[in-house]
Every structure is written in C-alpha cells, then in structure tokens.
Amino acid sequence: MVDLGLAAKVRPCLILSDYPTDDELALIVIVPHTTSLRGNRWEFPVSAPFLKTGAFHLQQIQPVSLVRVERKLGVLPPQKFADLRREIIRQLALDEYGQ
C-alpha cells in the first residue's frame, strides 16, 4: 500500500524497482492498482487474493518516496510479474524494434 497523495489516496501498488542503496535517492518505481476500470489498453488486469478486482494502470508508472510506502499486501507469482513486464515493454515501446 502506497500513499499517492490526497487525490490518489492510499492504494495498492506494484514495486517495479529495487530498493535504493545508501548513495541513491530514497525513491522506488511503482505502478498503481485501480478498481475504476475504463477498458483501455493501459490497464493490465491481475487477479490476486490480496487485490480487489481491477488492474494495474501502466500509464501511471511513477517514482515515489520510500516514506510513502505503508505496508506489503502480497507478492505476485513470477509468471504474472513476467506477463506484466512484457506488457510494460510493449506499451512503452521498449522492445528491440520500438513496437
């Protein structure tokens, strides 16, 4: 659970980066989970026992300060995380051919 500020509330987020070392900024990169689905290409639905029905919103990948991280809800299975990783690469055109 991460505090994303007053308007965004405290919501589940998936941590995409390692925790920073002592010589780095105290930031991690997250992707927020939402239950307000719009059915667009940026939503990546994932079912997990610790999440309500919804999706990770890939258009909202962002850095947050470590102090905003409140608690751990669970861990995505490796295959679901790999699927999410592939979708991020595809949506942000980070693959070899920019597609």
PDB file of N, CA and C in Angstrom:
ATOM      1  N   MET A   1       0.861  -1.174   0.000  1.00  0.00           N
ATOM      2  CA  MET A   1       0.000   0.000   0.000  1.00  0.00           C
ATOM      3  C   MET A   1       0.901   1.228   0.000  1.00  0.00           C
ATOM      4  N   VAL A   2       0.561   2.176  -0.873  1.00  0.00           N
ATOM      5  CA  VAL A   2       1.380   3.379  -1.043  1.00  0.00           C
ATOM      6  C   VAL A   2       0.476   4.605  -0.984  1.00  0.00           C
ATOM      7  N   ASP A   3       0.905   5.610  -0.250  1.00  0.00           N
ATOM      8  CA  ASP A   3       0.190   6.883  -0.193  1.00  0.00           C
ATOM      9  C   ASP A   3       0.593   7.699  -1.413  1.00  0.00           C
ATOM     10  N   LEU A   4      -0.349   7.849  -2.358  1.00  0.00           N
ATOM     11  CA  LEU A   4      -0.060   8.583  -3.589  1.00  0.00           C
ATOM     12  C   LEU A   4      -0.525  10.030  -3.532  1.00  0.00           C
ATOM     13  N   GLY A   5      -0.844  10.516  -2.351  1.00  0.00           N
ATOM     14  CA  GLY A   5      -1.274  11.896  -2.206  1.00  0.00           C
ATOM     15  C   GLY A   5      -2.778  11.975  -1.986  1.00  0.00           C
ATOM     16  N   LEU A   6      -3.255  13.161  -1.680  1.00  0.00           N
ATOM     17  CA  LEU A   6      -4.643  13.367  -1.283  1.00  0.00           C
ATOM     18  C   LEU A   6      -5.643  12.870  -2.322  1.00  0.00           C
ATOM     19  N   ALA A   7      -5.477  13.255  -3.577  1.00  0.00           N
ATOM     20  CA  ALA A   7      -6.450  12.878  -4.609  1.00  0.00           C
ATOM     21  C   ALA A   7      -6.362  11.400  -4.963  1.00  0.00           C
ATOM     22  N   ALA A   8      -5.181  10.850  -4.970  1.00  0.00           N
ATOM     23  CA  ALA A   8      -4.999   9.458  -5.388  1.00  0.00           C
ATOM     24  C   ALA A   8      -5.249   8.461  -4.262  1.00  0.00           C
ATOM     25  N   LYS A   9      -5.241   8.905  -3.036  1.00  0.00           N
ATOM     26  CA  LYS A   9      -5.466   8.052  -1.872  1.00  0.00           C
ATOM     27  C   LYS A   9      -4.318   7.070  -1.645  1.00  0.00           C
ATOM     28  N   VAL A  10      -4.545   6.216  -0.654  1.00  0.00           N
ATOM     29  CA  VAL A  10      -3.624   5.111  -0.395  1.00  0.00           C
ATOM     30  C   VAL A  10      -4.156   3.931  -1.187  1.00  0.00           C
ATOM     31  N   ARG A  11      -3.316   3.369  -2.031  1.00  0.00           N
ATOM     32  CA  ARG A  11      -3.791   2.283  -2.885  1.00  0.00           C
ATOM     33  C   ARG A  11      -2.706   1.232  -3.067  1.00  0.00           C
ATOM     34  N   PRO A  12      -3.115   0.031  -3.471  1.00  0.00           N
ATOM     35  CA  PRO A  12      -2.124  -0.999  -3.768  1.00  0.00           C
ATOM     36  C   PRO A  12      -1.274  -0.574  -4.957  1.00  0.00           C
ATOM     37  N   CYS A  13       0.004  -0.847  -4.884  1.00  0.00           N
ATOM     38  CA  CYS A  13       0.930  -0.561  -5.979  1.00  0.00           C
ATOM     39  C   CYS A  13       1.916  -1.710  -6.083  1.00  0.00           C
ATOM     40  N   LEU A  14       2.353  -1.951  -7.290  1.00  0.00           N
ATOM     41  CA  LEU A  14       3.375  -2.954  -7.514  1.00  0.00           C
ATOM     42  C   LEU A  14       4.713  -2.252  -7.604  1.00  0.00           C
ATOM     43  N   ILE A  15       5.663  -2.697  -6.821  1.00  0.00           N
ATOM     44  CA  ILE A  15       7.005  -2.106  -6.852  1.00  0.00           C
ATOM     45  C   ILE A  15       7.772  -2.726  -8.016  1.00  0.00           C
ATOM     46  N   LEU A  16       8.261  -1.861  -8.903  1.00  0.00           N
ATOM     47  CA  LEU A  16       8.965  -2.317 -10.102  1.00  0.00           C
ATOM     48  C   LEU A  16      10.482  -2.252  -9.967  1.00  0.00           C
ATOM     49  N   SER A  17      10.986  -1.497  -9.011  1.00  0.00           N
ATOM     50  CA  SER A  17      12.434  -1.302  -8.887  1.00  0.00           C
ATOM     51  C   SER A  17      12.948  -1.891  -7.578  1.00  0.00           C
ATOM     52  N   ASP A  18      14.256  -2.055  -7.519  1.00  0.00           N
ATOM     53  CA  ASP A  18      14.894  -2.443  -6.263  1.00  0.00           C
ATOM     54  C   ASP A  18      14.848  -1.274  -5.293  1.00  0.00           C
ATOM     55  N   TYR A  19      15.014  -1.595  -4.036  1.00  0.00           N
ATOM     56  CA  TYR A  19      15.140  -0.524  -3.057  1.00  0.00           C
ATOM     57  C   TYR A  19      16.472   0.178  -3.292  1.00  0.00           C
ATOM     58  N   PRO A  20      16.491   1.487  -3.077  1.00  0.00           N
ATOM     59  CA  PRO A  20      17.724   2.237  -3.340  1.00  0.00           C
ATOM     60  C   PRO A  20      18.822   1.915  -2.326  1.00  0.00           C
ATOM     61  N   THR A  21      20.043   2.048  -2.782  1.00  0.00           N
ATOM     62  CA  THR A  21      21.187   1.901  -1.884  1.00  0.00           C
ATOM     63  C   THR A  21      21.421   3.230  -1.185  1.00  0.00           C
ATOM     64  N   ASP A  22      22.365   3.255  -0.259  1.00  0.00           N
ATOM     65  CA  ASP A  22      22.615   4.452   0.550  1.00  0.00           C
ATOM     66  C   ASP A  22      23.050   5.662  -0.269  1.00  0.00           C
ATOM     67  N   ASP A  23      23.667   5.435  -1.429  1.00  0.00           N
ATOM     68  CA  ASP A  23      24.150   6.561  -2.234  1.00  0.00           C
ATOM     69  C   ASP A  23      23.149   6.979  -3.330  1.00  0.00           C
ATOM     70  N   GLU A  24      21.913   6.477  -3.264  1.00  0.00           N
ATOM     71  CA  GLU A  24      20.881   6.806  -4.246  1.00  0.00           C
ATOM     72  C   GLU A  24      19.727   7.556  -3.583  1.00  0.00           C
ATOM     73  N   LEU A  25      18.897   8.193  -4.392  1.00  0.00           N
ATOM     74  CA  LEU A  25      17.707   8.853  -3.870  1.00  0.00           C
ATOM     75  C   LEU A  25      16.787   7.813  -3.245  1.00  0.00           C
ATOM     76  N   ALA A  26      16.079   8.193  -2.206  1.00  0.00           N
ATOM     77  CA  ALA A  26      15.181   7.283  -1.498  1.00  0.00           C
ATOM     78  C   ALA A  26      13.856   7.163  -2.255  1.00  0.00           C
ATOM     79  N   LEU A  27      13.941   6.651  -3.484  1.00  0.00           N
ATOM     80  CA  LEU A  27      12.783   6.503  -4.361  1.00  0.00           C
ATOM     81  C   LEU A  27      12.686   5.074  -4.873  1.00  0.00           C
ATOM     82  N   ILE A  28      11.463   4.640  -5.120  1.00  0.00           N
ATOM     83  CA  ILE A  28      11.215   3.387  -5.812  1.00  0.00           C
ATOM     84  C   ILE A  28      10.240   3.681  -6.950  1.00  0.00           C
ATOM     85  N   VAL A  29      10.225   2.823  -7.947  1.00  0.00           N
ATOM     86  CA  VAL A  29       9.314   2.992  -9.076  1.00  0.00           C
ATOM     87  C   VAL A  29       8.157   2.016  -8.886  1.00  0.00           C
ATOM     88  N   ILE A  30       6.922   2.556  -8.998  1.00  0.00           N
ATOM     89  CA  ILE A  30       5.726   1.747  -8.768  1.00  0.00           C
ATOM     90  C   ILE A  30       4.749   1.881  -9.925  1.00  0.00           C
ATOM     91  N   VAL A  31       3.805   0.955  -9.970  1.00  0.00           N
ATOM     92  CA  VAL A  31       2.645   1.067 -10.865  1.00  0.00           C
ATOM     93  C   VAL A  31       1.409   0.861  -9.982  1.00  0.00           C
ATOM     94  N   PRO A  32       0.501   1.842  -9.966  1.00  0.00           N
ATOM     95  CA  PRO A  32      -0.675   1.753  -9.096  1.00  0.00           C
ATOM     96  C   PRO A  32      -1.732   0.773  -9.614  1.00  0.00           C
ATOM     97  N   HIS A  33      -2.471   0.222  -8.685  1.00  0.00           N
ATOM     98  CA  HIS A  33      -3.614  -0.638  -8.984  1.00  0.00           C
ATOM     99  C   HIS A  33      -4.881   0.201  -8.857  1.00  0.00           C
ATOM    100  N   THR A  34      -5.827  -0.022  -9.756  1.00  0.00           N
ATOM    101  CA  THR A  34      -7.092   0.708  -9.705  1.00  0.00           C
ATOM    102  C   THR A  34      -8.260  -0.249  -9.841  1.00  0.00           C
ATOM    103  N   THR A  35      -9.373   0.109  -9.226  1.00  0.00           N
ATOM    104  CA  THR A  35     -10.611  -0.643  -9.399  1.00  0.00           C
ATOM    105  C   THR A  35     -11.575   0.129 -10.300  1.00  0.00           C
ATOM    106  N   SER A  36     -11.212   1.346 -10.686  1.00  0.00           N
ATOM    107  CA  SER A  36     -12.024   2.170 -11.595  1.00  0.00           C
ATOM    108  C   SER A  36     -11.561   1.910 -13.026  1.00  0.00           C
ATOM    109  N   LEU A  37     -12.078   0.860 -13.596  1.00  0.00           N
ATOM    110  CA  LEU A  37     -11.619   0.438 -14.913  1.00  0.00           C
ATOM    111  C   LEU A  37     -12.320   1.205 -16.032  1.00  0.00           C
ATOM    112  N   ARG A  38     -11.557   1.519 -17.074  1.00  0.00           N
ATOM    113  CA  ARG A  38     -12.081   2.217 -18.245  1.00  0.00           C
ATOM    114  C   ARG A  38     -12.015   1.352 -19.498  1.00  0.00           C
ATOM    115  N   GLY A  39     -11.371   0.214 -19.379  1.00  0.00           N
ATOM    116  CA  GLY A  39     -11.275  -0.696 -20.512  1.00  0.00           C
ATOM    117  C   GLY A  39     -10.307  -0.248 -21.585  1.00  0.00           C
ATOM    118  N   ASN A  40      -9.264   0.495 -21.196  1.00  0.00           N
ATOM    119  CA  ASN A  40      -8.301   0.945 -22.212  1.00  0.00           C
ATOM    120  C   ASN A  40      -7.044   0.067 -22.205  1.00  0.00           C
ATOM    121  N   ARG A  41      -6.194   0.314 -23.178  1.00  0.00           N
ATOM    122  CA  ARG A  41      -5.010  -0.533 -23.382  1.00  0.00           C
ATOM    123  C   ARG A  41      -3.975  -0.423 -22.265  1.00  0.00           C
ATOM    124  N   TRP A  42      -4.061   0.587 -21.411  1.00  0.00           N
ATOM    125  CA  TRP A  42      -3.081   0.790 -20.350  1.00  0.00           C
ATOM    126  C   TRP A  42      -3.402  -0.011 -19.093  1.00  0.00           C
ATOM    127  N   GLU A  43      -4.568  -0.624 -19.052  1.00  0.00           N
ATOM    128  CA  GLU A  43      -4.957  -1.398 -17.883  1.00  0.00           C
ATOM    129  C   GLU A  43      -4.492  -2.846 -18.040  1.00  0.00           C
ATOM    130  N   PHE A  44      -3.805  -3.324 -17.022  1.00  0.00           N
ATOM    131  CA  PHE A  44      -3.315  -4.706 -17.032  1.00  0.00           C
ATOM    132  C   PHE A  44      -3.978  -5.441 -15.869  1.00  0.00           C
ATOM    133  N   PRO A  45      -5.046  -6.213 -16.158  1.00  0.00           N
ATOM    134  CA  PRO A  45      -5.752  -6.905 -15.077  1.00  0.00           C
ATOM    135  C   PRO A  45      -4.923  -8.042 -14.488  1.00  0.00           C
ATOM    136  N   VAL A  46      -4.922  -8.114 -13.170  1.00  0.00           N
ATOM    137  CA  VAL A  46      -4.236  -9.189 -12.460  1.00  0.00           C
ATOM    138  C   VAL A  46      -5.120  -9.594 -11.293  1.00  0.00           C
ATOM    139  N   SER A  47      -5.380 -10.873 -11.191  1.00  0.00           N
ATOM    140  CA  SER A  47      -6.124 -11.339 -10.029  1.00  0.00           C
ATOM    141  C   SER A  47      -5.136 -11.886  -9.005  1.00  0.00           C
ATOM    142  N   ALA A  48      -5.354 -11.501  -7.771  1.00  0.00           N
ATOM    143  CA  ALA A  48      -4.527 -11.969  -6.655  1.00  0.00           C
ATOM    144  C   ALA A  48      -5.402 -11.913  -5.406  1.00  0.00           C
ATOM    145  N   PRO A  49      -5.206 -12.818  -4.472  1.00  0.00           N
ATOM    146  CA  PRO A  49      -6.068 -12.857  -3.289  1.00  0.00           C
ATOM    147  C   PRO A  49      -6.012 -11.585  -2.444  1.00  0.00           C
ATOM    148  N   PHE A  50      -4.956 -10.819  -2.568  1.00  0.00           N
ATOM    149  CA  PHE A  50      -4.801  -9.612  -1.759  1.00  0.00           C
ATOM    150  C   PHE A  50      -5.239  -8.339  -2.489  1.00  0.00           C
ATOM    151  N   LEU A  51      -5.781  -8.469  -3.715  1.00  0.00           N
ATOM    152  CA  LEU A  51      -6.240  -7.324  -4.500  1.00  0.00           C
ATOM    153  C   LEU A  51      -7.723  -7.431  -4.808  1.00  0.00           C
ATOM    154  N   LYS A  52      -8.415  -6.284  -4.827  1.00  0.00           N
ATOM    155  CA  LYS A  52      -9.788  -6.248  -5.311  1.00  0.00           C
ATOM    156  C   LYS A  52      -9.748  -6.406  -6.832  1.00  0.00           C
ATOM    157  N   THR A  53     -10.879  -6.702  -7.437  1.00  0.00           N
ATOM    158  CA  THR A  53     -10.948  -6.806  -8.889  1.00  0.00           C
ATOM    159  C   THR A  53     -10.563  -5.463  -9.498  1.00  0.00           C
ATOM    160  N   GLY A  54      -9.617  -5.472 -10.403  1.00  0.00           N
ATOM    161  CA  GLY A  54      -9.138  -4.239 -11.015  1.00  0.00           C
ATOM    162  C   GLY A  54      -7.951  -4.517 -11.911  1.00  0.00           C
ATOM    163  N   ALA A  55      -7.103  -3.510 -12.063  1.00  0.00           N
ATOM    164  CA  ALA A  55      -5.953  -3.625 -12.958  1.00  0.00           C
ATOM    165  C   ALA A  55      -4.840  -2.693 -12.507  1.00  0.00           C
ATOM    166  N   PHE A  56      -3.627  -3.035 -12.903  1.00  0.00           N
ATOM    167  CA  PHE A  56      -2.522  -2.102 -12.742  1.00  0.00           C
ATOM    168  C   PHE A  56      -2.585  -1.149 -13.923  1.00  0.00           C
ATOM    169  N   HIS A  57      -2.463   0.140 -13.638  1.00  0.00           N
ATOM    170  CA  HIS A  57      -2.595   1.154 -14.688  1.00  0.00           C
ATOM    171  C   HIS A  57      -1.207   1.566 -15.163  1.00  0.00           C
ATOM    172  N   LEU A  58      -0.799   1.029 -16.310  1.00  0.00           N
ATOM    173  CA  LEU A  58       0.567   1.182 -16.804  1.00  0.00           C
ATOM    174  C   LEU A  58       0.895   2.598 -17.247  1.00  0.00           C
ATOM    175  N   GLN A  59      -0.111   3.432 -17.444  1.00  0.00           N
ATOM    176  CA  GLN A  59       0.134   4.820 -17.819  1.00  0.00           C
ATOM    177  C   GLN A  59       0.530   5.655 -16.602  1.00  0.00           C
ATOM    178  N   GLN A  60       0.444   5.069 -15.416  1.00  0.00           N
ATOM    179  CA  GLN A  60       0.746   5.798 -14.188  1.00  0.00           C
ATOM    180  C   GLN A  60       2.014   5.312 -13.491  1.00  0.00           C
ATOM    181  N   ILE A  61       2.902   4.670 -14.217  1.00  0.00           N
ATOM    182  CA  ILE A  61       4.185   4.272 -13.632  1.00  0.00           C
ATOM    183  C   ILE A  61       4.891   5.533 -13.154  1.00  0.00           C
ATOM    184  N   GLN A  62       5.393   5.501 -11.909  1.00  0.00           N
ATOM    185  CA  GLN A  62       5.962   6.712 -11.320  1.00  0.00           C
ATOM    186  C   GLN A  62       6.929   6.397 -10.184  1.00  0.00           C
ATOM    187  N   PRO A  63       7.828   7.331  -9.914  1.00  0.00           N
ATOM    188  CA  PRO A  63       8.667   7.177  -8.721  1.00  0.00           C
ATOM    189  C   PRO A  63       7.922   7.722  -7.504  1.00  0.00           C
ATOM    190  N   VAL A  64       8.120   7.089  -6.360  1.00  0.00           N
ATOM    191  CA  VAL A  64       7.570   7.595  -5.096  1.00  0.00           C
ATOM    192  C   VAL A  64       8.647   7.493  -4.025  1.00  0.00           C
ATOM    193  N   SER A  65       8.539   8.359  -3.066  1.00  0.00           N
ATOM    194  CA  SER A  65       9.463   8.341  -1.939  1.00  0.00           C
ATOM    195  C   SER A  65       9.201   7.114  -1.074  1.00  0.00           C
ATOM    196  N   LEU A  66      10.250   6.544  -0.540  1.00  0.00           N
ATOM    197  CA  LEU A  66      10.115   5.373   0.329  1.00  0.00           C
ATOM    198  C   LEU A  66       9.206   5.636   1.521  1.00  0.00           C
ATOM    199  N   VAL A  67       9.170   6.866   2.007  1.00  0.00           N
ATOM    200  CA  VAL A  67       8.342   7.168   3.176  1.00  0.00           C
ATOM    201  C   VAL A  67       6.851   7.039   2.876  1.00  0.00           C
ATOM    202  N   ARG A  68       6.478   6.999   1.598  1.00  0.00           N
ATOM    203  CA  ARG A  68       5.063   6.853   1.217  1.00  0.00           C
ATOM    204  C   ARG A  68       4.603   5.389   1.170  1.00  0.00           C
ATOM    205  N   VAL A  69       5.553   4.479   1.230  1.00  0.00           N
ATOM    206  CA  VAL A  69       5.214   3.057   1.239  1.00  0.00           C
ATOM    207  C   VAL A  69       4.758   2.680   2.645  1.00  0.00           C
ATOM    208  N   GLU A  70       3.532   2.169   2.747  1.00  0.00           N
ATOM    209  CA  GLU A  70       2.958   1.901   4.063  1.00  0.00           C
ATOM    210  C   GLU A  70       3.081   0.454   4.518  1.00  0.00           C
ATOM    211  N   ARG A  71       2.695  -0.486   3.658  1.00  0.00           N
ATOM    212  CA  ARG A  71       2.781  -1.895   4.057  1.00  0.00           C
ATOM    213  C   ARG A  71       2.703  -2.805   2.842  1.00  0.00           C
ATOM    214  N   LYS A  72       3.171  -4.009   3.021  1.00  0.00           N
ATOM    215  CA  LYS A  72       3.169  -5.023   1.962  1.00  0.00           C
ATOM    216  C   LYS A  72       1.867  -5.821   2.038  1.00  0.00           C
ATOM    217  N   LEU A  73       1.217  -5.978   0.884  1.00  0.00           N
ATOM    218  CA  LEU A  73      -0.014  -6.769   0.818  1.00  0.00           C
ATOM    219  C   LEU A  73       0.242  -8.204   0.388  1.00  0.00           C
ATOM    220  N   GLY A  74       1.202  -8.393  -0.493  1.00  0.00           N
ATOM    221  CA  GLY A  74       1.475  -9.720  -1.014  1.00  0.00           C
ATOM    222  C   GLY A  74       2.517  -9.667  -2.105  1.00  0.00           C
ATOM    223  N   VAL A  75       2.683 -10.784  -2.771  1.00  0.00           N
ATOM    224  CA  VAL A  75       3.671 -10.920  -3.840  1.00  0.00           C
ATOM    225  C   VAL A  75       2.985 -11.543  -5.045  1.00  0.00           C
ATOM    226  N   LEU A  76       3.199 -10.955  -6.215  1.00  0.00           N
ATOM    227  CA  LEU A  76       2.666 -11.557  -7.440  1.00  0.00           C
ATOM    228  C   LEU A  76       3.473 -12.802  -7.790  1.00  0.00           C
ATOM    229  N   PRO A  77       2.805 -13.843  -8.264  1.00  0.00           N
ATOM    230  CA  PRO A  77       3.547 -15.020  -8.734  1.00  0.00           C
ATOM    231  C   PRO A  77       4.478 -14.627  -9.878  1.00  0.00           C
ATOM    232  N   PRO A  78       5.621 -15.294 -10.014  1.00  0.00           N
ATOM    233  CA  PRO A  78       6.599 -14.936 -11.043  1.00  0.00           C
ATOM    234  C   PRO A  78       6.020 -14.841 -12.456  1.00  0.00           C
ATOM    235  N   GLN A  79       5.101 -15.736 -12.824  1.00  0.00           N
ATOM    236  CA  GLN A  79       4.547 -15.704 -14.183  1.00  0.00           C
ATOM    237  C   GLN A  79       3.707 -14.450 -14.416  1.00  0.00           C
ATOM    238  N   LYS A  80       2.921 -14.044 -13.419  1.00  0.00           N
ATOM    239  CA  LYS A  80       2.108 -12.826 -13.558  1.00  0.00           C
ATOM    240  C   LYS A  80       3.011 -11.600 -13.656  1.00  0.00           C
ATOM    241  N   PHE A  81       4.085 -11.588 -12.873  1.00  0.00           N
ATOM    242  CA  PHE A  81       5.021 -10.465 -12.933  1.00  0.00           C
ATOM    243  C   PHE A  81       5.706 -10.430 -14.298  1.00  0.00           C
ATOM    244  N   ALA A  82       6.066 -11.597 -14.830  1.00  0.00           N
ATOM    245  CA  ALA A  82       6.696 -11.659 -16.154  1.00  0.00           C
ATOM    246  C   ALA A  82       5.738 -11.165 -17.231  1.00  0.00           C
ATOM    247  N   ASP A  83       4.463 -11.535 -17.130  1.00  0.00           N
ATOM    248  CA  ASP A  83       3.459 -11.059 -18.095  1.00  0.00           C
ATOM    249  C   ASP A  83       3.316  -9.544 -18.015  1.00  0.00           C
ATOM    250  N   LEU A  84       3.294  -9.010 -16.811  1.00  0.00           N
ATOM    251  CA  LEU A  84       3.199  -7.560 -16.620  1.00  0.00           C
ATOM    252  C   LEU A  84       4.428  -6.863 -17.199  1.00  0.00           C
ATOM    253  N   ARG A  85       5.588  -7.435 -16.968  1.00  0.00           N
ATOM    254  CA  ARG A  85       6.836  -6.874 -17.504  1.00  0.00           C
ATOM    255  C   ARG A  85       6.790  -6.805 -19.031  1.00  0.00           C
ATOM    256  N   ARG A  86       6.351  -7.884 -19.659  1.00  0.00           N
ATOM    257  CA  ARG A  86       6.239  -7.893 -21.125  1.00  0.00           C
ATOM    258  C   ARG A  86       5.262  -6.820 -21.615  1.00  0.00           C
ATOM    259  N   GLU A  87       4.162  -6.645 -20.902  1.00  0.00           N
ATOM    260  CA  GLU A  87       3.179  -5.647 -21.314  1.00  0.00           C
ATOM    261  C   GLU A  87       3.724  -4.228 -21.150  1.00  0.00           C
ATOM    262  N   ILE A  88       4.479  -3.975 -20.088  1.00  0.00           N
ATOM    263  CA  ILE A  88       5.108  -2.657 -19.914  1.00  0.00           C
ATOM    264  C   ILE A  88       6.071  -2.393 -21.072  1.00  0.00           C
ATOM    265  N   ILE A  89       6.880  -3.373 -21.408  1.00  0.00           N
ATOM    266  CA  ILE A  89       7.827  -3.224 -22.518  1.00  0.00           C
ATOM    267  C   ILE A  89       7.080  -2.929 -23.815  1.00  0.00           C
ATOM    268  N   ARG A  90       5.982  -3.630 -24.048  1.00  0.00           N
ATOM    269  CA  ARG A  90       5.201  -3.423 -25.271  1.00  0.00           C
ATOM    270  C   ARG A  90       4.537  -2.044 -25.286  1.00  0.00           C
ATOM    271  N   GLN A  91       3.872  -1.685 -24.200  1.00  0.00           N
ATOM    272  CA  GLN A  91       3.140  -0.416 -24.152  1.00  0.00           C
ATOM    273  C   GLN A  91       4.062   0.799 -24.241  1.00  0.00           C
ATOM    274  N   LEU A  92       5.235   0.701 -23.661  1.00  0.00           N
ATOM    275  CA  LEU A  92       6.162   1.835 -23.676  1.00  0.00           C
ATOM    276  C   LEU A  92       7.145   1.764 -24.845  1.00  0.00           C
ATOM    277  N   ALA A  93       6.922   0.809 -25.745  1.00  0.00           N
ATOM    278  CA  ALA A  93       7.770   0.644 -26.931  1.00  0.00           C
ATOM    279  C   ALA A  93       9.249   0.532 -26.547  1.00  0.00           C
ATOM    280  N   LEU A  94       9.531  -0.309 -25.574  1.00  0.00           N
ATOM    281  CA  LEU A  94      10.892  -0.518 -25.101  1.00  0.00           C
ATOM    282  C   LEU A  94      11.527  -1.778 -25.688  1.00  0.00           C
ATOM    283  N   ASP A  95      10.787  -2.427 -26.584  1.00  0.00           N
ATOM    284  CA  ASP A  95      11.329  -3.639 -27.181  1.00  0.00           C
ATOM    285  C   ASP A  95      12.362  -3.282 -28.236  1.00  0.00           C
ATOM    286  N   GLU A  96      12.981  -4.272 -28.775  1.00  0.00           N
ATOM    287  CA  GLU A  96      14.096  -4.090 -29.711  1.00  0.00           C
ATOM    288  C   GLU A  96      13.725  -3.241 -30.926  1.00  0.00           C
ATOM    289  N   TYR A  97      12.497  -3.342 -31.388  1.00  0.00           N
ATOM    290  CA  TYR A  97      12.112  -2.651 -32.621  1.00  0.00           C
ATOM    291  C   TYR A  97      11.226  -1.427 -32.371  1.00  0.00           C
ATOM    292  N   GLY A  98      10.996  -1.080 -31.109  1.00  0.00           N
ATOM    293  CA  GLY A  98      10.173   0.081 -30.797  1.00  0.00           C
ATOM    294  C   GLY A  98       8.714  -0.119 -31.133  1.00  0.00           C
ATOM    295  N   GLN A  99       8.229  -1.347 -31.081  1.00  0.00           N
ATOM    296  CA  GLN A  99       6.831  -1.648 -31.425  1.00  0.00           C
ATOM    297  C   GLN A  99       6.037  -1.991 -30.208  1.00  0.00           C
TER     298      GLN A  99
END
